[in-house]
Protein backbone atom coordinates (compact mmCIF):
# COMPACT_ATOMS: atom_id res chain seq x y z
CA MET A 1 -0.15 -0.22 0.30
CA ASN A 2 1.68 3.02 -0.20
CA ASN A 3 1.02 6.72 0.39
CA ARG A 4 -1.74 7.98 -1.92
CA ASP A 5 -4.03 4.96 -2.00
CA LEU A 6 -3.91 6.29 1.96
CA LEU A 7 -4.35 9.01 1.58
CA ILE A 8 -7.54 8.70 -0.60
CA GLY A 9 -8.73 6.26 1.75
CA PHE A 10 -8.36 9.27 4.43
CA ALA A 11 -9.99 11.76 2.42
CA THR A 12 -13.45 9.41 1.41
CA GLY A 13 -13.52 8.25 5.24
CA VAL A 14 -13.35 12.52 6.30
CA ALA A 15 -16.02 12.29 3.40
CA ALA A 16 -18.24 9.74 3.87
CA THR A 17 -17.93 11.44 7.96
CA TYR A 18 -18.92 14.69 6.69
CA LEU A 19 -22.12 13.63 4.73
CA VAL A 20 -23.95 11.29 7.49
CA LYS A 21 -23.39 14.04 10.20
CA GLU A 22 -25.20 16.48 7.53
CA VAL A 23 -28.14 13.76 6.33
CA TYR A 24 -28.28 13.52 10.81
CA ASP A 25 -28.57 16.77 10.88
CA ARG A 26 -31.08 18.02 8.95
CA LYS A 27 -33.80 15.25 10.32
CA GLU A 28 -36.54 17.19 11.48
CA LYS A 29 -36.30 15.91 14.61
CA LEU A 30 -39.67 15.18 16.42
CA TYR A 31 -40.99 17.03 19.59
CA PRO A 32 -41.59 15.27 22.41
CA ALA A 33 -45.59 13.40 22.72
CA ASP A 34 -45.46 13.54 26.97
CA ASP A 35 -44.29 17.52 26.12
CA VAL A 36 -46.85 18.18 24.10
CA LEU A 37 -49.71 16.82 26.24
CA LYS A 38 -48.26 18.76 29.58
CA GLU A 39 -48.47 21.89 27.61
CA VAL A 40 -52.50 21.06 26.06
CA LYS A 41 -53.14 19.67 29.76
CA SER A 42 -51.53 23.48 31.52
CA ALA A 43 -53.50 25.04 28.61
CA PHE A 44 -57.05 23.12 30.35
CA LYS A 45 -56.32 23.44 34.30
CA GLU A 46 -56.20 27.12 33.48
CA GLU A 47 -60.46 26.95 33.26
CA GLY A 48 -60.20 24.34 35.93
CA PRO A 49 -59.29 20.73 36.82
CA ILE A 50 -59.27 17.65 34.35
CA ASP A 51 -60.34 14.37 35.24
CA GLY A 52 -58.07 12.19 32.47
CA SER A 53 -56.37 12.56 30.00
CA TRP A 54 -54.28 10.70 26.42
CA ILE A 55 -51.71 11.43 23.94
CA PHE A 56 -50.63 8.73 21.31
CA MET A 57 -46.96 8.17 21.27
CA LYS A 58 -46.84 7.88 17.90
CA THR A 59 -46.86 10.21 15.15
CA GLU A 60 -49.77 9.90 12.05
CA PRO A 61 -50.03 11.81 8.75
CA TYR A 62 -52.65 14.87 8.88
CA LYS A 63 -53.19 16.73 5.99
CA GLN A 64 -55.03 19.98 5.73
CA HIS A 65 -55.49 21.81 2.10
CA ALA A 66 -51.83 21.19 0.69
CA LEU A 67 -50.00 21.08 3.41
CA THR A 68 -48.68 17.89 5.25
CA THR A 69 -47.18 17.06 8.29
CA GLU A 70 -46.63 14.38 10.98
CA VAL A 71 -49.37 14.73 14.05
CA TYR A 72 -49.78 13.52 17.47
CA LYS A 73 -53.42 12.76 18.74
CA GLY A 74 -54.80 13.18 22.31
CA GLY A 75 -57.51 14.00 24.56
CA ILE A 76 -59.15 16.01 27.40
CA THR A 77 -61.65 14.85 30.01
CA ARG A 78 -62.55 17.28 32.49
CA HIS A 79 -66.03 17.70 34.44
CA LYS A 80 -68.02 20.64 33.79
CA GLU A 81 -71.17 22.09 35.79
CA ASP A 82 -71.68 18.15 36.95
CA GLN A 83 -71.08 17.02 32.66
CA LEU A 84 -68.64 15.32 31.51
CA GLN A 85 -66.34 17.14 28.94
CA GLN A 86 -64.26 15.48 26.15
CA PHE A 87 -61.77 16.83 24.27
CA GLU A 88 -60.10 15.63 21.14
CA PHE A 89 -56.47 17.54 20.26
CA LEU A 90 -54.19 17.74 17.29
CA ALA A 91 -50.59 18.49 18.05
CA ASP A 92 -47.74 19.00 15.36
CA ALA A 93 -45.23 16.08 15.87
CA TYR A 94 -42.21 18.37 14.60
CA THR A 95 -42.75 22.47 16.74
CA GLY A 96 -46.21 20.97 19.44
CA ALA A 97 -48.28 23.39 18.32
CA VAL A 98 -51.62 22.49 18.99
CA ILE A 99 -53.73 22.49 14.90
CA GLU A 100 -56.81 21.20 16.64
CA VAL A 101 -59.47 21.26 18.93
CA LYS A 102 -62.60 19.85 19.49
CA GLN A 103 -65.38 18.90 22.05
CA VAL A 104 -66.74 14.97 20.96
């Protein structure tokens, strides 16, 4: 093995390492589902106590018009004026922002 082969191997390794790092850094990281649920629960607690909550840890695709993203789906249950209220919400899996809340 001569110096030229060694240099070519080293340069190839450095280039591959750089490429893998760039691909990894560009991959969007998901916002933790537990943190999304904590934020939604906190917002609902401002209006009164809640009885229960849940969130699916696995994301699902959500399309609205021409835009598509991954979302978490979850729910909140509470009693208000002696009536059970149930809400479902969708939150963007990349930012944690709540996209939709509806009473079911």
